[in-house]
N, C-alpha and C. Protein backbone atom coordinates (compact mmCIF):
# COMPACT_ATOMS: atom_id res chain seq x y z
N SER A 1 -1.78 7.05 9.11
CA SER A 1 -2.76 6.73 10.63
C SER A 1 -1.97 7.40 12.29
N VAL A 2 -2.84 7.99 12.74
CA VAL A 2 -2.74 8.78 13.85
C VAL A 2 -1.93 7.38 14.77
N ILE A 3 -1.28 7.05 15.42
CA ILE A 3 -0.65 6.27 16.07
C ILE A 3 -0.11 7.39 17.78
N TYR A 4 -0.48 6.38 18.72
CA TYR A 4 -0.42 6.45 20.55
C TYR A 4 0.74 5.92 20.91
N ASP A 5 1.19 6.23 21.95
CA ASP A 5 1.97 5.32 22.83
C ASP A 5 0.98 4.05 23.33
N LEU A 6 1.50 3.31 24.64
CA LEU A 6 0.43 2.62 25.03
C LEU A 6 -0.48 3.48 26.01
N ALA A 7 -1.43 3.08 26.61
CA ALA A 7 -1.76 3.82 27.61
C ALA A 7 -1.57 2.98 29.00
N PRO A 8 -1.06 4.50 29.82
CA PRO A 8 -0.40 4.35 30.64
C PRO A 8 -1.08 3.85 32.02
N GLN A 9 -0.18 3.48 33.31
CA GLN A 9 -0.58 2.60 34.45
C GLN A 9 -2.14 3.04 34.83
N PRO A 10 -3.00 2.91 35.82
CA PRO A 10 -3.59 3.17 36.23
C PRO A 10 -3.60 4.10 37.56
N THR A 11 -3.81 5.19 37.69
CA THR A 11 -2.97 6.02 38.17
C THR A 11 -4.03 5.98 40.43
N GLY A 12 -5.12 5.16 40.11
CA GLY A 12 -5.47 5.06 41.25
C GLY A 12 -6.62 6.45 41.63
N ARG A 13 -6.71 7.29 40.83
CA ARG A 13 -6.92 8.48 40.80
C ARG A 13 -8.60 8.33 40.11
N ARG A 14 -9.52 9.72 40.84
CA ARG A 14 -11.08 9.21 39.96
C ARG A 14 -11.06 9.53 38.87
N GLY A 15 -12.36 8.96 38.25
CA GLY A 15 -12.13 9.58 37.09
C GLY A 15 -11.95 8.28 35.78
N ARG A 16 -12.30 9.01 34.81
CA ARG A 16 -11.70 7.48 33.96
C ARG A 16 -10.64 7.71 33.15
N PRO A 17 -9.70 6.68 33.17
CA PRO A 17 -8.37 6.27 32.85
C PRO A 17 -9.03 6.39 31.52
N ALA A 18 -7.10 6.83 31.31
CA ALA A 18 -6.63 7.33 29.68
C ALA A 18 -6.77 5.75 28.63
N LYS A 19 -7.45 6.17 27.22
CA LYS A 19 -7.55 5.08 26.59
C LYS A 19 -6.11 4.85 26.05
N HIS A 20 -5.05 5.77 25.75
CA HIS A 20 -3.94 5.64 25.15
C HIS A 20 -2.98 6.93 25.93
N GLY A 21 -1.54 6.68 25.06
CA GLY A 21 -0.97 7.85 25.75
C GLY A 21 -1.05 8.68 24.55
N GLU A 22 0.33 9.23 24.92
CA GLU A 22 0.68 10.42 23.85
C GLU A 22 0.54 9.96 22.71
N ARG A 23 0.84 11.20 21.65
CA ARG A 23 0.58 10.84 20.22
C ARG A 23 2.25 10.97 20.04
N LEU A 24 2.29 9.71 18.90
CA LEU A 24 3.56 9.90 18.61
C LEU A 24 4.21 10.27 16.97
N SER A 25 4.80 10.34 17.03
CA SER A 25 5.79 11.05 15.67
C SER A 25 7.06 9.75 15.12
N ILE A 26 6.49 9.25 13.75
CA ILE A 26 7.25 8.31 13.44
C ILE A 26 9.24 9.25 13.42
N LYS A 27 9.06 10.52 13.19
CA LYS A 27 10.23 10.88 13.16
C LYS A 27 10.77 11.04 14.16
N GLU A 28 10.59 11.68 15.79
CA GLU A 28 11.18 11.47 16.97
C GLU A 28 10.80 10.74 17.94
N ASP A 29 9.98 9.78 17.21
CA ASP A 29 9.68 9.02 18.93
C ASP A 29 10.00 7.45 18.22
N PHE A 30 10.75 7.04 17.26
CA PHE A 30 11.13 6.32 17.19
C PHE A 30 12.61 6.55 17.10
N THR A 31 13.16 4.80 17.70
CA THR A 31 14.84 5.00 17.59
C THR A 31 15.07 3.80 17.00
N LEU A 32 15.85 4.95 15.56
CA LEU A 32 16.40 3.77 14.45
C LEU A 32 17.91 2.70 15.34
N SER A 33 17.80 1.20 14.67
CA SER A 33 18.87 0.60 14.56
C SER A 33 20.06 1.00 14.39
N ALA A 34 20.93 0.68 15.17
CA ALA A 34 22.99 1.11 15.20
C ALA A 34 23.18 1.24 13.65
N GLU A 35 22.87 -0.08 13.00
CA GLU A 35 23.28 -0.09 12.04
C GLU A 35 22.34 -0.97 11.03
N LYS A 36 22.47 -1.19 9.68
CA LYS A 36 20.90 -1.13 8.52
C LYS A 36 21.08 -2.72 8.96
N ILE A 37 19.59 -3.01 8.74
CA ILE A 37 19.27 -4.55 8.68
C ILE A 37 18.84 -4.87 7.27
N GLY A 38 19.56 -5.42 6.83
CA GLY A 38 19.37 -5.71 4.77
C GLY A 38 18.88 -4.11 4.70
N ASP A 39 18.71 -3.46 3.95
CA ASP A 39 18.71 -2.24 2.88
C ASP A 39 18.71 -0.57 4.15
N TYR A 40 17.92 -1.26 4.82
CA TYR A 40 17.28 -0.17 5.75
C TYR A 40 17.59 -0.43 7.62
N TYR A 41 17.63 0.85 7.93
CA TYR A 41 17.84 0.89 9.22
C TYR A 41 15.92 1.37 9.82
N MET A 42 16.16 0.01 10.84
CA MET A 42 14.35 0.20 11.49
C MET A 42 14.96 0.67 13.09
N GLY A 43 13.04 0.66 13.58
CA GLY A 43 12.84 1.00 14.20
C GLY A 43 11.47 0.72 14.68
N VAL A 44 11.35 0.28 16.22
CA VAL A 44 9.97 -0.69 16.70
C VAL A 44 9.60 -0.45 17.79
N ARG A 45 8.10 -0.42 18.37
CA ARG A 45 7.39 -0.27 19.40
C ARG A 45 6.22 -0.21 19.20
N ARG A 46 5.53 -1.41 20.79
CA ARG A 46 4.05 -1.23 20.75
C ARG A 46 3.53 -0.21 20.44
N VAL A 47 2.37 -0.07 20.04
CA VAL A 47 1.76 1.24 19.90
C VAL A 47 0.29 0.74 19.74
N LEU A 48 -0.07 2.01 19.85
CA LEU A 48 -2.34 1.79 19.75
C LEU A 48 -2.52 2.60 18.52
N THR A 49 -3.71 2.34 17.20
CA THR A 49 -4.10 3.48 16.34
C THR A 49 -5.11 3.19 16.59
N ASN A 50 -5.60 4.01 15.42
CA ASN A 50 -7.43 4.10 15.66
C ASN A 50 -7.72 3.29 14.72
N ILE A 51 -6.98 2.68 13.01
CA ILE A 51 -6.88 1.63 12.68
C ILE A 51 -7.32 0.04 13.17
N PHE A 52 -6.90 -0.12 14.26
CA PHE A 52 -7.04 -1.09 15.51
C PHE A 52 -7.55 -0.96 16.32
N GLY A 53 -8.47 -0.02 16.84
CA GLY A 53 -8.55 0.17 17.99
C GLY A 53 -7.76 0.18 19.24
N GLN A 54 -8.19 -0.63 20.31
CA GLN A 54 -7.42 -1.26 21.31
C GLN A 54 -6.72 -2.05 21.81
N ARG A 55 -6.42 -2.53 20.36
CA ARG A 55 -5.68 -3.51 19.82
C ARG A 55 -3.87 -3.30 19.89
N GLU A 56 -3.39 -3.95 20.86
CA GLU A 56 -1.93 -3.00 20.78
C GLU A 56 -1.24 -3.61 19.87
N VAL A 57 -0.75 -3.19 18.73
CA VAL A 57 0.15 -3.94 17.26
C VAL A 57 1.72 -3.06 17.66
N LEU A 58 2.03 -3.78 16.57
CA LEU A 58 3.84 -3.17 16.26
C LEU A 58 3.39 -1.69 15.49
N ALA A 59 4.50 -1.18 15.30
CA ALA A 59 5.20 0.10 14.58
C ALA A 59 6.23 -0.08 14.13
N TYR A 60 6.13 -0.90 12.61
CA TYR A 60 7.57 -0.24 12.09
C TYR A 60 7.75 0.71 11.72
N VAL A 61 9.50 1.64 11.65
CA VAL A 61 9.49 2.35 10.72
C VAL A 61 10.95 2.38 10.26
N THR A 62 10.85 2.69 8.58
CA THR A 62 11.93 2.33 8.34
C THR A 62 12.78 3.17 7.23
N SER A 63 13.63 3.51 7.35
CA SER A 63 14.78 4.45 6.52
C SER A 63 15.82 4.22 6.27
N THR A 64 16.20 4.89 4.89
CA THR A 64 17.74 4.71 4.10
C THR A 64 18.46 5.16 4.92
N GLU A 65 17.97 6.41 5.67
CA GLU A 65 19.06 6.96 6.54
C GLU A 65 18.86 7.21 8.12
N LYS A 66 20.06 6.98 8.48
CA LYS A 66 20.08 7.06 10.31
C LYS A 66 19.56 8.17 10.07
N THR A 67 19.94 9.77 10.24
CA THR A 67 19.50 10.90 10.39
C THR A 67 18.88 11.44 9.01
N GLY A 68 17.16 11.90 9.17
CA GLY A 68 17.16 12.56 7.96
C GLY A 68 16.27 11.46 7.31
N GLY A 69 16.25 12.19 6.20
CA GLY A 69 15.85 11.47 5.02
C GLY A 69 14.03 11.14 5.20
N SER A 70 12.72 10.16 4.45
CA SER A 70 11.83 10.40 4.71
C SER A 70 11.90 8.64 5.42
N ARG A 71 11.05 8.58 5.85
CA ARG A 71 10.55 7.79 6.48
C ARG A 71 9.11 7.03 6.07
N ARG A 72 9.10 5.35 6.39
CA ARG A 72 7.79 4.68 5.95
C ARG A 72 7.77 4.16 7.21
N LEU A 73 6.23 3.76 7.64
CA LEU A 73 5.57 3.64 8.57
C LEU A 73 4.62 1.72 8.01
N PHE A 74 5.18 1.10 8.97
CA PHE A 74 4.58 -0.43 8.72
C PHE A 74 3.85 -0.84 9.71
N PHE A 75 2.69 -1.18 10.21
CA PHE A 75 1.80 -2.12 11.25
C PHE A 75 2.36 -3.72 10.99
N SER A 76 2.64 -3.94 12.89
CA SER A 76 1.92 -5.72 12.25
C SER A 76 1.06 -6.21 13.65
N THR A 77 0.21 -7.23 12.98
CA THR A 77 -0.34 -7.56 14.19
C THR A 77 -0.22 -8.74 14.39
N ILE A 78 0.67 -8.93 14.10
CA ILE A 78 1.84 -10.36 14.71
C ILE A 78 3.02 -10.22 15.59
N PHE A 79 3.75 -10.73 16.59
CA PHE A 79 4.74 -10.58 17.90
C PHE A 79 5.60 -11.53 17.09
N PRO A 80 6.75 -11.27 17.33
CA PRO A 80 7.71 -12.07 17.29
C PRO A 80 7.70 -13.36 18.35
N GLU A 81 7.15 -12.98 19.27
CA GLU A 81 6.92 -14.54 20.21
C GLU A 81 5.73 -15.16 19.67
N GLN A 82 4.64 -14.73 18.62
CA GLN A 82 4.08 -15.08 18.27
C GLN A 82 4.32 -16.10 17.20
N MET A 83 5.55 -16.09 16.77
CA MET A 83 5.91 -16.66 15.42
C MET A 83 7.18 -17.95 15.34
N GLN A 84 6.16 -19.16 14.65
CA GLN A 84 6.87 -20.04 14.66
C GLN A 84 7.66 -19.99 13.67
N ILE A 85 9.03 -19.73 13.87
CA ILE A 85 10.03 -19.19 12.00
C ILE A 85 11.90 -20.09 12.58
N PHE A 86 11.76 -20.89 11.53
CA PHE A 86 13.32 -21.01 12.11
C PHE A 86 14.33 -20.89 10.40
N CYS A 87 15.09 -19.14 11.06
CA CYS A 87 16.10 -18.63 10.18
C CYS A 87 17.41 -19.04 9.74
N ALA A 88 17.64 -20.20 9.76
CA ALA A 88 18.81 -20.85 9.58
C ALA A 88 18.66 -20.99 8.30
N TRP A 89 17.79 -21.80 7.88
CA TRP A 89 18.01 -22.29 6.37
C TRP A 89 18.00 -20.57 5.45
N GLN A 90 17.47 -19.42 6.15
CA GLN A 90 18.38 -18.82 4.44
C GLN A 90 19.46 -18.31 4.48
N GLU A 91 19.48 -18.38 3.60
CA GLU A 91 21.78 -18.62 2.99
C GLU A 91 21.46 -16.93 2.96
N LYS A 92 20.37 -16.37 2.08
CA LYS A 92 21.02 -14.44 3.02
C LYS A 92 20.74 -13.43 3.54
N ALA A 93 21.30 -12.72 3.97
CA ALA A 93 20.91 -11.38 4.91
C ALA A 93 19.19 -10.90 4.77
N PRO A 94 18.60 -10.24 5.55
CA PRO A 94 18.66 -10.42 6.97
C PRO A 94 18.58 -11.54 8.04
N LEU A 95 18.09 -11.85 7.30
CA LEU A 95 17.34 -13.74 8.29
C LEU A 95 18.37 -14.19 9.14
N ASN A 96 19.28 -14.30 8.02
CA ASN A 96 20.54 -15.52 8.64
C ASN A 96 21.25 -14.90 9.31
N GLN A 97 21.54 -13.81 9.62
CA GLN A 97 21.58 -12.66 10.66
C GLN A 97 20.84 -12.39 11.84
N THR A 98 19.85 -13.04 12.06
CA THR A 98 19.02 -12.32 13.02
C THR A 98 19.16 -12.75 14.25
N GLY A 99 20.05 -12.14 15.24
CA GLY A 99 20.02 -12.90 17.07
C GLY A 99 19.43 -12.00 17.63
N SER A 100 19.74 -11.99 19.14
CA SER A 100 18.67 -11.40 19.86
C SER A 100 17.95 -11.00 20.14
N GLU A 101 18.77 -9.50 19.62
CA GLU A 101 18.79 -7.92 18.99
C GLU A 101 17.64 -7.76 17.98
N ARG A 102 17.87 -8.88 17.15
CA ARG A 102 16.93 -8.68 15.76
C ARG A 102 15.91 -8.87 15.75
N MET A 103 15.59 -10.49 16.59
CA MET A 103 14.08 -10.92 16.82
C MET A 103 12.62 -10.08 16.51
N GLN A 104 12.76 -9.32 17.37
CA GLN A 104 11.78 -7.88 17.12
C GLN A 104 11.50 -7.61 16.05
N PHE A 105 12.56 -7.87 14.77
CA PHE A 105 12.43 -7.21 13.14
C PHE A 105 11.83 -8.23 12.36
N ILE A 106 11.38 -9.32 12.82
CA ILE A 106 11.32 -10.77 11.98
C ILE A 106 10.10 -10.07 11.37
N PRO A 107 9.09 -10.13 12.06
CA PRO A 107 7.44 -10.13 11.06
C PRO A 107 7.86 -8.95 10.02
N LEU A 108 8.71 -7.73 9.93
CA LEU A 108 8.74 -6.99 9.32
C LEU A 108 9.66 -7.71 7.85
N LEU A 109 11.10 -8.39 8.60
CA LEU A 109 12.04 -8.88 7.63
C LEU A 109 11.18 -10.19 6.80
N CYS A 110 10.02 -10.92 7.14
CA CYS A 110 9.54 -11.11 6.92
C CYS A 110 8.50 -11.06 5.47
N TYR A 111 7.89 -9.98 6.09
CA TYR A 111 6.46 -9.07 5.21
C TYR A 111 7.92 -8.85 3.91
N THR A 112 9.11 -8.54 3.99
CA THR A 112 10.21 -8.19 2.66
C THR A 112 9.75 -8.88 1.51
N PHE A 113 9.66 -10.17 1.96
CA PHE A 113 9.35 -11.54 0.72
C PHE A 113 7.96 -10.62 -0.31
N ARG A 114 7.21 -10.96 0.44
CA ARG A 114 5.81 -10.00 -0.29
C ARG A 114 5.83 -8.61 -0.72
N TRP A 115 6.80 -7.95 -0.37
CA TRP A 115 6.91 -6.18 -0.60
C TRP A 115 7.29 -6.78 -1.95
N ASN A 116 8.73 -7.94 -1.90
CA ASN A 116 9.16 -7.42 -3.38
C ASN A 116 8.08 -8.13 -4.99
N ILE A 117 7.34 -9.25 -4.01
CA ILE A 117 6.30 -9.91 -4.72
C ILE A 117 5.48 -8.39 -5.14
N GLU A 118 5.27 -7.02 -4.48
CA GLU A 118 4.14 -6.37 -4.89
C GLU A 118 4.58 -5.30 -5.72
N VAL A 119 6.01 -5.02 -5.39
CA VAL A 119 6.60 -4.24 -6.44
C VAL A 119 6.63 -4.72 -7.57
N SER A 120 7.12 -5.87 -7.83
CA SER A 120 7.07 -6.62 -8.93
C SER A 120 5.49 -6.73 -9.88
N TYR A 121 4.65 -6.56 -9.10
CA TYR A 121 3.49 -6.67 -9.84
C TYR A 121 2.89 -5.72 -10.33
N TYR A 122 2.91 -4.56 -9.45
CA TYR A 122 2.70 -3.61 -9.87
C TYR A 122 3.40 -2.70 -11.15
N GLU A 123 4.70 -2.81 -11.57
CA GLU A 123 5.50 -3.32 -12.49
C GLU A 123 4.83 -3.63 -13.11
N GLN A 124 4.48 -4.88 -13.27
CA GLN A 124 3.84 -5.09 -14.64
C GLN A 124 2.74 -5.08 -14.88
N LYS A 125 1.82 -4.11 -14.11
CA LYS A 125 1.04 -3.33 -13.76
C LYS A 125 0.87 -2.26 -15.48
N SER A 126 2.57 -1.69 -14.40
CA SER A 126 2.52 -0.21 -15.07
C SER A 126 3.06 -0.67 -16.64
N PHE A 127 3.35 -1.42 -17.42
CA PHE A 127 4.20 -1.75 -18.27
C PHE A 127 3.20 -2.47 -19.25
N TRP A 128 2.07 -3.34 -18.70
CA TRP A 128 1.23 -3.66 -19.42
C TRP A 128 -0.24 -2.67 -19.65
N SER A 129 0.21 -1.39 -18.96
CA SER A 129 -1.00 -0.15 -19.03
C SER A 129 -2.32 -1.15 -18.61
N LEU A 130 -2.40 -1.33 -17.61
CA LEU A 130 -3.27 -1.95 -16.93
C LEU A 130 -3.37 -1.79 -15.54
N CYS A 131 -2.85 -0.61 -14.97
CA CYS A 131 -3.22 0.11 -13.80
C CYS A 131 -4.79 0.12 -13.17
N SER A 132 -5.40 0.64 -14.58
CA SER A 132 -6.76 1.09 -13.84
C SER A 132 -7.91 -0.15 -13.01
N TYR A 133 -6.95 -1.71 -13.53
CA TYR A 133 -7.78 -3.03 -13.23
C TYR A 133 -7.23 -2.75 -11.74
N MET A 134 -8.34 -2.46 -10.52
CA MET A 134 -7.66 -2.48 -9.06
C MET A 134 -8.28 -3.12 -8.88
N LEU A 135 -7.50 -4.63 -8.56
CA LEU A 135 -8.11 -5.91 -8.37
C LEU A 135 -8.30 -5.70 -6.80
N ARG A 136 -8.78 -6.76 -6.05
CA ARG A 136 -8.52 -7.03 -4.54
C ARG A 136 -8.39 -8.50 -4.24
N SER A 137 -9.49 -9.40 -4.64
CA SER A 137 -9.49 -10.89 -4.81
C SER A 137 -8.50 -11.43 -4.88
N ARG A 138 -8.70 -12.49 -4.55
CA ARG A 138 -7.21 -13.55 -4.92
C ARG A 138 -7.56 -13.74 -6.44
N LYS A 139 -8.42 -14.60 -6.52
CA LYS A 139 -9.02 -14.76 -7.62
C LYS A 139 -8.51 -13.64 -9.24
N GLY A 140 -8.76 -12.91 -8.88
CA GLY A 140 -9.02 -11.69 -9.68
C GLY A 140 -7.45 -10.96 -9.72
N ILE A 141 -6.43 -11.31 -8.63
CA ILE A 141 -4.83 -10.99 -8.75
C ILE A 141 -4.33 -11.90 -9.54
N GLU A 142 -4.90 -13.37 -9.67
CA GLU A 142 -4.55 -14.64 -10.36
C GLU A 142 -5.02 -14.20 -11.39
N MET A 143 -6.10 -13.88 -11.90
CA MET A 143 -6.48 -13.64 -13.57
C MET A 143 -5.60 -12.70 -13.88
N LEU A 144 -5.59 -11.78 -13.67
CA LEU A 144 -4.92 -10.56 -14.04
C LEU A 144 -3.14 -10.89 -13.91
N VAL A 145 -2.94 -12.12 -13.19
CA VAL A 145 -1.60 -12.48 -13.57
C VAL A 145 -1.22 -13.09 -14.51
N ASN A 146 -2.40 -13.83 -14.94
CA ASN A 146 -2.25 -14.98 -15.65
C ASN A 146 -2.08 -14.70 -17.47
N LEU A 147 -2.78 -13.16 -17.53
CA LEU A 147 -3.59 -12.14 -18.36
C LEU A 147 -1.81 -11.49 -18.96
N ILE A 148 -0.92 -11.43 -17.75
CA ILE A 148 0.31 -10.45 -17.81
C ILE A 148 1.26 -11.86 -18.63
N ASN A 149 0.83 -12.91 -18.21
CA ASN A 149 1.97 -13.91 -18.79
C ASN A 149 1.70 -14.58 -19.79
N ILE A 150 0.59 -14.13 -20.40
CA ILE A 150 0.25 -15.04 -21.79
C ILE A 150 0.44 -13.25 -22.60
N SER A 151 0.30 -12.30 -22.05
CA SER A 151 0.95 -11.13 -23.33
C SER A 151 2.59 -11.12 -23.23
N TYR A 152 3.45 -11.34 -22.32
CA TYR A 152 4.10 -11.53 -22.35
C TYR A 152 4.86 -12.53 -23.39
N CYS A 153 4.35 -13.47 -23.49
CA CYS A 153 4.23 -14.88 -24.08
C CYS A 153 3.98 -14.72 -25.84
N ALA A 154 3.02 -14.01 -25.62
CA ALA A 154 2.73 -13.50 -27.12
C ALA A 154 3.57 -12.62 -27.74
N MET A 155 4.22 -11.75 -27.04
CA MET A 155 5.11 -10.85 -27.48
C MET A 155 6.55 -11.39 -28.05
N LYS A 156 6.50 -12.88 -27.19
CA LYS A 156 7.76 -13.33 -27.55
C LYS A 156 7.82 -14.14 -29.06
N ILE A 157 5.98 -15.17 -29.36
CA ILE A 157 6.32 -15.68 -30.21
C ILE A 157 6.27 -15.46 -31.47
N LEU A 158 5.13 -14.18 -31.38
CA LEU A 158 4.71 -13.29 -32.16
C LEU A 158 5.55 -13.07 -34.16
N PRO A 159 6.74 -12.60 -33.27
CA PRO A 159 7.57 -12.59 -34.42
C PRO A 159 8.09 -13.54 -35.18
N TYR A 160 7.78 -15.27 -34.40
CA TYR A 160 8.07 -16.22 -34.77
C TYR A 160 7.05 -16.76 -35.73
N GLN A 161 5.78 -16.36 -35.49
CA GLN A 161 4.93 -16.79 -36.22
C GLN A 161 5.07 -16.16 -37.35
N GLU A 162 4.84 -15.20 -37.16
CA GLU A 162 4.79 -13.71 -38.37
C GLU A 162 5.94 -12.96 -38.82
N GLU A 163 6.14 -13.20 -39.89
CA GLU A 163 7.61 -12.97 -40.67
C GLU A 163 7.72 -11.57 -40.94
N SER A 164 6.04 -11.02 -40.61
CA SER A 164 6.63 -9.24 -41.02
C SER A 164 6.74 -8.67 -39.43
N PHE A 165 7.14 -9.76 -38.79
CA PHE A 165 7.75 -9.23 -37.26
C PHE A 165 9.09 -9.45 -37.04
N SER A 166 9.78 -10.67 -38.45
CA SER A 166 10.84 -11.62 -37.63
C SER A 166 11.94 -10.31 -36.53
N LYS A 167 12.21 -8.89 -37.22
CA LYS A 167 13.18 -8.27 -36.75
C LYS A 167 13.48 -7.86 -35.26
N TYR A 168 11.42 -8.23 -34.67
CA TYR A 168 11.50 -8.20 -33.38
C TYR A 168 12.26 -9.65 -32.85
N ARG A 169 13.35 -10.63 -33.40
CA ARG A 169 13.17 -11.42 -32.94
C ARG A 169 14.28 -11.40 -31.57
N THR A 170 15.29 -10.73 -31.82
CA THR A 170 16.33 -10.35 -30.87
C THR A 170 15.86 -9.11 -30.06
N GLU A 171 14.72 -8.14 -30.27
CA GLU A 171 14.63 -7.14 -29.42
C GLU A 171 13.70 -7.42 -28.20
N SER A 172 13.84 -6.43 -27.19
CA SER A 172 13.40 -7.13 -25.73
C SER A 172 11.93 -6.52 -26.16
N VAL A 173 11.36 -7.25 -25.06
CA VAL A 173 9.87 -7.30 -25.10
C VAL A 173 9.06 -5.65 -25.27
N GLN A 174 9.85 -4.92 -24.45
CA GLN A 174 9.46 -3.57 -24.31
C GLN A 174 9.10 -2.66 -26.06
N GLU A 175 10.56 -3.02 -26.57
CA GLU A 175 10.75 -2.41 -28.22
C GLU A 175 9.66 -2.54 -28.85
N PHE A 176 9.14 -4.69 -28.63
CA PHE A 176 8.53 -4.85 -29.38
C PHE A 176 7.20 -4.44 -29.37
N ARG A 177 6.78 -4.63 -27.60
CA ARG A 177 5.23 -3.86 -27.29
C ARG A 177 4.74 -1.93 -28.07
N PHE A 178 5.78 -1.94 -28.20
CA PHE A 178 6.05 -0.30 -28.36
C PHE A 178 5.38 -0.41 -30.19
N ALA A 179 6.04 -0.69 -30.66
CA ALA A 179 5.98 -0.34 -32.19
C ALA A 179 4.77 -1.60 -32.81
N LEU A 180 4.31 -2.38 -32.07
CA LEU A 180 2.89 -2.96 -32.27
C LEU A 180 1.83 -2.61 -31.75
N SER A 181 2.07 -1.86 -30.93
CA SER A 181 1.16 -0.49 -29.73
C SER A 181 0.60 0.58 -31.14
N GLU A 182 2.21 0.78 -31.93
CA GLU A 182 1.53 2.24 -32.70
C GLU A 182 1.27 1.50 -33.81
N GLN A 183 1.27 0.33 -34.18
CA GLN A 183 0.99 -0.38 -35.72
C GLN A 183 -0.63 -0.39 -34.97
N ILE A 184 -1.25 -1.02 -34.15
CA ILE A 184 -2.62 -1.24 -33.65
C ILE A 184 -3.23 -0.08 -33.74
N ARG A 185 -2.61 1.11 -33.13
CA ARG A 185 -3.15 2.08 -33.41
C ARG A 185 -3.51 2.73 -34.95
N GLN A 186 -2.87 2.39 -35.40
CA GLN A 186 -3.15 3.47 -37.11
C GLN A 186 -3.34 2.69 -37.30
N GLN A 187 -3.98 1.19 -37.14
CA GLN A 187 -4.85 0.60 -37.96
C GLN A 187 -6.05 0.68 -37.78
N VAL A 188 -6.60 1.10 -36.08
CA VAL A 188 -7.76 1.89 -35.59
C VAL A 188 -7.94 3.24 -36.33
N PHE A 189 -7.26 3.97 -36.40
CA PHE A 189 -7.49 5.01 -36.98
C PHE A 189 -7.86 5.02 -38.90
N TYR A 190 -7.04 4.30 -39.40
CA TYR A 190 -7.24 4.35 -40.76
C TYR A 190 -9.11 2.84 -40.51
N ALA A 191 -9.19 2.40 -39.73
CA ALA A 191 -10.38 1.67 -40.41
C ALA A 191 -11.28 2.47 -39.56
N ALA A 192 -11.55 3.52 -38.76
CA ALA A 192 -12.58 4.38 -38.40
C ALA A 192 -12.46 5.31 -39.98
N PHE A 193 -11.63 6.03 -40.35
CA PHE A 193 -11.67 6.69 -41.19
C PHE A 193 -11.99 6.06 -42.43
N VAL A 194 -12.30 4.99 -42.94
CA VAL A 194 -12.63 4.68 -43.98
C VAL A 194 -13.92 4.20 -43.99
N ARG A 195 -14.29 3.71 -42.57
CA ARG A 195 -15.69 3.32 -42.26
C ARG A 195 -16.62 4.82 -42.46
N ASN A 196 -15.98 6.32 -42.39
CA ASN A 196 -16.79 7.13 -42.30
C ASN A 196 -16.48 8.23 -43.46
N ILE A 197 -15.29 7.97 -44.61
CA ILE A 197 -15.56 8.12 -45.54
C ILE A 197 -16.39 7.28 -46.23
N GLU A 198 -16.76 6.08 -46.29
CA GLU A 198 -17.87 5.23 -47.02
C GLU A 198 -18.94 5.75 -46.62
N THR A 199 -19.55 6.49 -46.00
CA THR A 199 -20.73 7.24 -45.36
C THR A 199 -20.88 8.50 -46.04
N SER A 200 -20.08 9.17 -46.11
CA SER A 200 -20.04 10.54 -46.38
C SER A 200 -19.94 11.16 -47.88
N ILE A 201 -18.42 9.92 -48.52
CA ILE A 201 -17.72 10.50 -49.74
C ILE A 201 -18.08 8.98 -50.17
N LYS A 202 -18.95 9.60 -51.66
CA LYS A 202 -19.05 8.13 -52.54
C LYS A 202 -17.97 8.38 -54.05
N SER A 203 -16.71 7.73 -53.38
CA SER A 203 -15.68 8.10 -54.12
C SER A 203 -15.37 6.88 -54.33
N SER A 204 -15.30 6.09 -55.46
CA SER A 204 -14.85 4.65 -55.62
C SER A 204 -13.35 4.54 -55.79
N VAL A 205 -12.95 5.95 -56.62
CA VAL A 205 -11.44 6.44 -56.76
C VAL A 205 -10.50 6.37 -55.34
N VAL A 206 -11.26 6.78 -54.40
CA VAL A 206 -11.09 7.16 -53.30
C VAL A 206 -11.00 5.88 -52.46
N MET A 207 -11.91 5.53 -52.07
CA MET A 207 -11.62 4.35 -51.12
C MET A 207 -10.79 3.59 -52.16
N LYS A 208 -10.29 3.16 -53.35
CA LYS A 208 -9.31 2.17 -54.12
C LYS A 208 -7.63 2.54 -53.20
N ALA A 209 -8.53 3.84 -53.89
CA ALA A 209 -6.26 4.55 -53.31
C ALA A 209 -6.44 4.11 -51.78
N LEU A 210 -7.14 4.57 -50.87
CA LEU A 210 -6.95 4.17 -49.17
C LEU A 210 -6.58 2.92 -49.17
N LYS A 211 -7.53 1.85 -49.20
CA LYS A 211 -7.54 0.26 -49.42
C LYS A 211 -5.88 -0.02 -49.77
N GLN A 212 -5.68 0.60 -51.35
CA GLN A 212 -4.44 0.18 -51.56
C GLN A 212 -2.71 0.74 -50.35
N LEU A 213 -2.97 2.24 -49.97
CA LEU A 213 -2.22 2.44 -49.49
C LEU A 213 -2.15 1.39 -47.62
N ILE A 214 -3.24 1.32 -47.73
CA ILE A 214 -3.97 0.38 -46.35
C ILE A 214 -2.85 -1.06 -46.17
N ARG A 215 -3.28 -1.80 -47.48
CA ARG A 215 -2.58 -3.05 -48.55
C ARG A 215 -1.13 -3.10 -48.30
N GLN A 216 -0.68 -1.95 -48.62
CA GLN A 216 0.99 -1.60 -49.10
C GLN A 216 1.60 -1.45 -47.56
N GLN A 217 0.66 -1.41 -46.13
CA GLN A 217 1.61 -1.28 -45.26
C GLN A 217 1.26 -2.82 -44.52
N CYS A 218 0.81 -4.03 -44.94
CA CYS A 218 0.38 -4.98 -45.12
C CYS A 218 -0.86 -5.32 -43.69
N TRP A 219 -1.90 -4.79 -43.78
CA TRP A 219 -2.78 -4.05 -42.70
C TRP A 219 -4.31 -4.88 -43.71
N HIS A 220 -4.67 -5.43 -43.25
CA HIS A 220 -6.21 -6.22 -43.70
C HIS A 220 -7.30 -5.20 -43.01
N LEU A 221 -8.48 -4.88 -43.76
CA LEU A 221 -9.87 -4.42 -43.29
C LEU A 221 -10.73 -5.53 -43.42
């Protein structure tokens, strides 16, 4: 998003006053903090942007390096003075180390709680191959999280319910999920293969041999 400096003060000259200041660059126009706040160097300033129109917002820039490296941009529509927060209860940095010079970073520091949750959420979606489900509503996200939790529980319970999977009781969920998905793909392949043969090849001997092979793999048609 294009970000601009705040509109300059009226000069009293004729003509329409400027709606915004000069265009800003996150690499050149943001001064990062002298030391890391948490895991990042941070910079902040009030800006205008096309996303929010004439509404002033805070633009935060973070970087893992003081000079060079990539930078990430965040917007906050809430200003520190609008927040009623007591930071003494926080046992971990950086909120428990928030002094007067760091109060301007409070909105971004509070967002880090949600940030960690979002990272975990997308990691879970990737692990269970659910990335194609682009959900935005609260109810939809809750249902997807419940589905992920059910999937995880099923992976942990199944080795104790089915003796054929007992060797996975001490294996990681990732290992068991991979092995189970491989078996499911093979079953789907064999089922489709047998169905096609039944319609094209009228041979009871071939059918019997295939079904015997499948049963040896502890599968069912």
